[in-house]
Amino acid sequence: MLNVIATATATGPLQFGLLDPSLFGLLNVIVAVVVGYFTYQDAKARKTDSPKLWAGGMALASLLLNLIGFLLAFAVYYFVVIRD
């Protein structure tokens, strides 16, 4: 019963038109850009071979795969670049 109430509470604003679904798409794009920017800055500061490639890969993973893809790409970046 509690699960039904939580689901109804979470989807209620979308069902009644209080939140525009395109707002979530815009938020996803903004997060991807921010992730790409900070990854580029970090990779450039560490003098990696291709900071643009790392930034693009992280942003793309964040944009297309959301949390799971971002965590997977970050794990690869951590073990290849950050961890010395």
N, C-alpha and C. Protein backbone atom coordinates (compact mmCIF):
# COMPACT_ATOMS: atom_id res chain seq x y z
N MET A 1 0.82 -1.19 0.00
CA MET A 1 0.00 0.00 0.00
C MET A 1 0.86 1.25 0.00
N LEU A 2 1.92 1.21 0.80
CA LEU A 2 2.81 2.37 0.89
C LEU A 2 3.52 2.63 -0.43
N ASN A 3 3.86 1.56 -1.15
CA ASN A 3 4.52 1.69 -2.44
C ASN A 3 3.61 2.38 -3.45
N VAL A 4 2.33 2.08 -3.42
CA VAL A 4 1.37 2.70 -4.32
C VAL A 4 1.26 4.19 -4.03
N ILE A 5 1.26 4.55 -2.78
CA ILE A 5 1.17 5.97 -2.40
C ILE A 5 2.42 6.71 -2.83
N ALA A 6 3.58 6.11 -2.65
CA ALA A 6 4.84 6.75 -3.05
C ALA A 6 4.89 6.93 -4.55
N THR A 7 4.43 5.94 -5.31
CA THR A 7 4.42 6.04 -6.77
C THR A 7 3.45 7.12 -7.22
N ALA A 8 2.30 7.18 -6.62
CA ALA A 8 1.32 8.19 -6.98
C ALA A 8 1.82 9.59 -6.64
N THR A 9 2.53 9.73 -5.54
CA THR A 9 3.08 11.02 -5.16
C THR A 9 4.18 11.45 -6.12
N ALA A 10 5.01 10.50 -6.56
CA ALA A 10 6.13 10.83 -7.44
C ALA A 10 5.66 11.19 -8.84
N THR A 11 4.62 10.54 -9.33
CA THR A 11 4.16 10.79 -10.70
C THR A 11 3.01 11.78 -10.77
N GLY A 12 2.49 12.18 -9.65
CA GLY A 12 1.36 13.10 -9.63
C GLY A 12 1.59 14.41 -10.36
N PRO A 13 2.69 15.11 -10.11
CA PRO A 13 2.91 16.38 -10.81
C PRO A 13 2.98 16.23 -12.33
N LEU A 14 3.51 15.11 -12.83
CA LEU A 14 3.56 14.89 -14.27
C LEU A 14 2.18 14.59 -14.84
N GLN A 15 1.38 13.83 -14.11
CA GLN A 15 0.06 13.46 -14.60
C GLN A 15 -0.89 14.65 -14.65
N PHE A 16 -0.75 15.56 -13.72
CA PHE A 16 -1.67 16.68 -13.67
C PHE A 16 -1.15 17.92 -14.37
N GLY A 17 -0.01 17.80 -15.05
CA GLY A 17 0.50 18.90 -15.83
C GLY A 17 1.20 19.99 -15.02
N LEU A 18 1.59 19.70 -13.79
CA LEU A 18 2.26 20.70 -12.98
C LEU A 18 3.72 20.87 -13.40
N LEU A 19 4.33 19.81 -13.92
CA LEU A 19 5.70 19.86 -14.42
C LEU A 19 5.71 19.45 -15.88
N ASP A 20 6.45 20.18 -16.68
CA ASP A 20 6.57 19.86 -18.09
C ASP A 20 7.62 18.76 -18.27
N PRO A 21 7.32 17.67 -18.96
CA PRO A 21 8.30 16.60 -19.14
C PRO A 21 9.56 17.05 -19.88
N SER A 22 9.45 18.06 -20.73
CA SER A 22 10.64 18.53 -21.44
C SER A 22 11.63 19.19 -20.48
N LEU A 23 11.17 19.59 -19.31
CA LEU A 23 12.06 20.16 -18.30
C LEU A 23 13.09 19.13 -17.86
N PHE A 24 12.70 17.86 -17.78
CA PHE A 24 13.63 16.81 -17.39
C PHE A 24 14.67 16.56 -18.49
N GLY A 25 14.26 16.67 -19.73
CA GLY A 25 15.22 16.54 -20.84
C GLY A 25 16.23 17.67 -20.83
N LEU A 26 15.76 18.87 -20.58
CA LEU A 26 16.67 20.02 -20.49
C LEU A 26 17.62 19.87 -19.32
N LEU A 27 17.13 19.39 -18.21
CA LEU A 27 17.98 19.16 -17.05
C LEU A 27 19.04 18.11 -17.35
N ASN A 28 18.67 17.07 -18.09
CA ASN A 28 19.61 16.03 -18.48
C ASN A 28 20.72 16.59 -19.36
N VAL A 29 20.39 17.47 -20.28
CA VAL A 29 21.39 18.10 -21.14
C VAL A 29 22.31 19.01 -20.33
N ILE A 30 21.75 19.76 -19.41
CA ILE A 30 22.57 20.64 -18.57
C ILE A 30 23.55 19.83 -17.74
N VAL A 31 23.09 18.72 -17.16
CA VAL A 31 23.97 17.86 -16.37
C VAL A 31 25.08 17.29 -17.25
N ALA A 32 24.76 16.88 -18.47
CA ALA A 32 25.77 16.33 -19.38
C ALA A 32 26.83 17.38 -19.72
N VAL A 33 26.42 18.61 -19.94
CA VAL A 33 27.37 19.67 -20.25
C VAL A 33 28.27 19.95 -19.05
N VAL A 34 27.69 20.00 -17.87
CA VAL A 34 28.48 20.26 -16.66
C VAL A 34 29.47 19.12 -16.41
N VAL A 35 29.04 17.89 -16.58
CA VAL A 35 29.92 16.74 -16.40
C VAL A 35 31.06 16.79 -17.41
N GLY A 36 30.75 17.09 -18.66
CA GLY A 36 31.78 17.19 -19.68
C GLY A 36 32.77 18.30 -19.39
N TYR A 37 32.28 19.44 -18.94
CA TYR A 37 33.16 20.56 -18.63
C TYR A 37 34.14 20.23 -17.50
N PHE A 38 33.62 19.69 -16.42
CA PHE A 38 34.49 19.39 -15.29
C PHE A 38 35.45 18.24 -15.60
N THR A 39 35.01 17.27 -16.39
CA THR A 39 35.92 16.21 -16.81
C THR A 39 37.03 16.76 -17.69
N TYR A 40 36.70 17.66 -18.59
CA TYR A 40 37.70 18.28 -19.46
C TYR A 40 38.72 19.06 -18.63
N GLN A 41 38.24 19.85 -17.68
CA GLN A 41 39.15 20.62 -16.84
C GLN A 41 40.08 19.70 -16.04
N ASP A 42 39.54 18.63 -15.50
CA ASP A 42 40.35 17.70 -14.72
C ASP A 42 41.36 16.97 -15.60
N ALA A 43 40.92 16.50 -16.76
CA ALA A 43 41.83 15.77 -17.65
C ALA A 43 42.92 16.70 -18.19
N LYS A 44 42.58 17.96 -18.45
CA LYS A 44 43.58 18.91 -18.93
C LYS A 44 44.60 19.22 -17.84
N ALA A 45 44.15 19.35 -16.61
CA ALA A 45 45.05 19.63 -15.49
C ALA A 45 45.99 18.46 -15.23
N ARG A 46 45.52 17.24 -15.51
CA ARG A 46 46.36 16.06 -15.31
C ARG A 46 47.22 15.75 -16.53
N LYS A 47 47.11 16.58 -17.57
CA LYS A 47 47.90 16.45 -18.80
C LYS A 47 47.73 15.07 -19.45
N THR A 48 46.48 14.65 -19.61
CA THR A 48 46.22 13.40 -20.31
C THR A 48 46.37 13.62 -21.80
N ASP A 49 46.40 12.53 -22.55
CA ASP A 49 46.60 12.62 -24.00
C ASP A 49 45.42 13.24 -24.71
N SER A 50 44.21 12.97 -24.25
CA SER A 50 43.03 13.45 -24.97
C SER A 50 41.93 13.91 -24.01
N PRO A 51 42.06 15.11 -23.46
CA PRO A 51 41.00 15.57 -22.53
C PRO A 51 39.66 15.78 -23.22
N LYS A 52 39.67 16.14 -24.50
CA LYS A 52 38.39 16.34 -25.22
C LYS A 52 37.66 15.01 -25.38
N LEU A 53 38.41 13.95 -25.62
CA LEU A 53 37.79 12.63 -25.75
C LEU A 53 37.17 12.18 -24.43
N TRP A 54 37.88 12.39 -23.33
CA TRP A 54 37.34 12.04 -22.02
C TRP A 54 36.08 12.86 -21.72
N ALA A 55 36.14 14.15 -21.99
CA ALA A 55 34.99 15.01 -21.72
C ALA A 55 33.79 14.61 -22.56
N GLY A 56 34.03 14.33 -23.83
CA GLY A 56 32.94 13.91 -24.71
C GLY A 56 32.35 12.58 -24.30
N GLY A 57 33.21 11.64 -23.93
CA GLY A 57 32.72 10.33 -23.50
C GLY A 57 31.91 10.41 -22.22
N MET A 58 32.38 11.19 -21.28
CA MET A 58 31.65 11.34 -20.01
C MET A 58 30.31 12.06 -20.23
N ALA A 59 30.33 13.10 -21.06
CA ALA A 59 29.09 13.84 -21.32
C ALA A 59 28.09 12.95 -22.07
N LEU A 60 28.58 12.20 -23.04
CA LEU A 60 27.70 11.31 -23.80
C LEU A 60 27.13 10.21 -22.92
N ALA A 61 27.97 9.64 -22.06
CA ALA A 61 27.48 8.61 -21.15
C ALA A 61 26.45 9.20 -20.19
N SER A 62 26.69 10.40 -19.72
CA SER A 62 25.74 11.04 -18.82
C SER A 62 24.43 11.36 -19.53
N LEU A 63 24.53 11.78 -20.78
CA LEU A 63 23.34 12.15 -21.53
C LEU A 63 22.51 10.95 -21.94
N LEU A 64 23.16 9.94 -22.47
CA LEU A 64 22.42 8.81 -23.03
C LEU A 64 22.06 7.73 -22.01
N LEU A 65 22.96 7.47 -21.09
CA LEU A 65 22.74 6.36 -20.19
C LEU A 65 22.42 6.78 -18.77
N ASN A 66 22.39 8.05 -18.55
CA ASN A 66 22.09 8.63 -17.24
C ASN A 66 23.00 8.08 -16.15
N LEU A 67 22.48 7.69 -15.05
CA LEU A 67 23.29 7.36 -13.89
C LEU A 67 24.18 6.14 -14.09
N ILE A 68 23.66 5.08 -14.65
CA ILE A 68 24.45 3.85 -14.81
C ILE A 68 25.61 4.08 -15.77
N GLY A 69 25.34 4.72 -16.90
CA GLY A 69 26.40 5.00 -17.86
C GLY A 69 27.43 5.97 -17.31
N PHE A 70 26.96 6.96 -16.59
CA PHE A 70 27.89 7.92 -16.00
C PHE A 70 28.80 7.24 -14.99
N LEU A 71 28.25 6.40 -14.13
CA LEU A 71 29.07 5.71 -13.14
C LEU A 71 30.07 4.77 -13.80
N LEU A 72 29.66 4.09 -14.87
CA LEU A 72 30.56 3.21 -15.59
C LEU A 72 31.70 4.00 -16.25
N ALA A 73 31.36 5.10 -16.90
CA ALA A 73 32.39 5.93 -17.53
C ALA A 73 33.30 6.56 -16.49
N PHE A 74 32.74 6.97 -15.37
CA PHE A 74 33.57 7.55 -14.32
C PHE A 74 34.52 6.52 -13.73
N ALA A 75 34.06 5.28 -13.58
CA ALA A 75 34.93 4.22 -13.06
C ALA A 75 36.10 3.99 -14.00
N VAL A 76 35.85 3.96 -15.30
CA VAL A 76 36.93 3.81 -16.28
C VAL A 76 37.88 4.99 -16.19
N TYR A 77 37.36 6.19 -16.13
CA TYR A 77 38.19 7.39 -16.03
C TYR A 77 39.02 7.37 -14.75
N TYR A 78 38.41 6.94 -13.67
CA TYR A 78 39.13 6.89 -12.39
C TYR A 78 40.30 5.91 -12.45
N PHE A 79 40.05 4.73 -12.96
CA PHE A 79 41.11 3.72 -12.98
C PHE A 79 42.17 4.00 -14.04
N VAL A 80 41.83 4.70 -15.11
CA VAL A 80 42.81 4.96 -16.16
C VAL A 80 43.56 6.26 -15.91
N VAL A 81 42.88 7.32 -15.49
CA VAL A 81 43.50 8.64 -15.42
C VAL A 81 43.82 9.08 -13.99
N ILE A 82 42.84 9.07 -13.12
CA ILE A 82 43.01 9.67 -11.80
C ILE A 82 43.91 8.83 -10.91
N ARG A 83 43.68 7.56 -10.88
CA ARG A 83 44.43 6.69 -9.97
C ARG A 83 45.84 6.50 -10.49
N ASP A 84 46.81 6.96 -9.74
CA ASP A 84 48.21 6.83 -10.16
C ASP A 84 48.95 5.81 -9.34
